[in-house]
Amino acid sequence: MTVKKTLTKKIIPKKSASKKQSPKKIGRKKNSPSVYQGEDAFLASIEPYKITKKEKYMCAKQKRHFIKILDKWKEMLQFEQDRTADKIQNNMSQFADEADRATHEEGFALEIRTRERERKLLAKISDSVEDLNNKQYGYCINPNCGVEIGIRRLEARPTANLCIDCKTLEEIKEKQQYG
C-alpha cells in the first residue's frame, strides 16, 4: 500500500502594492505671488533674454521681457507691503517683560525700514514702466550721453536709468563729495 502525499501549498495573501503617500502640497492662491526673498534673490531669478543678431535695441520682444520682469517685481513687493501691514495690524501681543516688548518692537521697526526702502523701489519701478511706455527705457538719461544702457545691465538692475559709465562717474563724484 502506497500512500500518496499531496503537497498543499500555503496560500499567503499578497501584499497590496501600497503607494507611498507623499505629503500634501500646500498650494498657494493663484493670485498671490511666490515668496519674495529679497532684491538680490529676485534679480538672480530673472531668466536672461536671448539676444539675436538681427534684433534692434529695445524692440517689442525686449520691451515685453522687461515689462514682465518689472510687473512681477512690483507685484511681489506690493504683496510683501500688504503682508507687513496685516502683520502689524493683527499683532496685539501683551508682553509681561519690557525686554520682550522692546525686542518685538525692534523687529517691527526693522521690517518697517525695509518696507520703506521697498516703497521707494516701487516708485522707481513705476517710473521704469512709464519710461517703457514712452520709449525712453533702456537709454541713459544723462543729457550729455543718451547711449543704450544694455540688456544685461537692465537685467541686473531693471530700474537703471544711467549707462555704466555715467553711473561710475556719479559714484566717484559722490565719493569725493561725501567721503
Foldseek 3Di string as FASTA:
>chain_A
DDDDDDDDDDDDDDDPPDDDDDDDDDDDDPLQADADPDDQVLLVPQDADDDDPPDDPLDPVLLVSLVVSLVNLLRNLVNLVVVLVCVVVPDPDDDPDPVVVVVVVVVNVVSVVVNVVSVVVSVLSVVQNVCSVVVNHQFAPPPVGGHGQDRVVCSNPVSDRHHPVVVVVVVVVCVVVVD
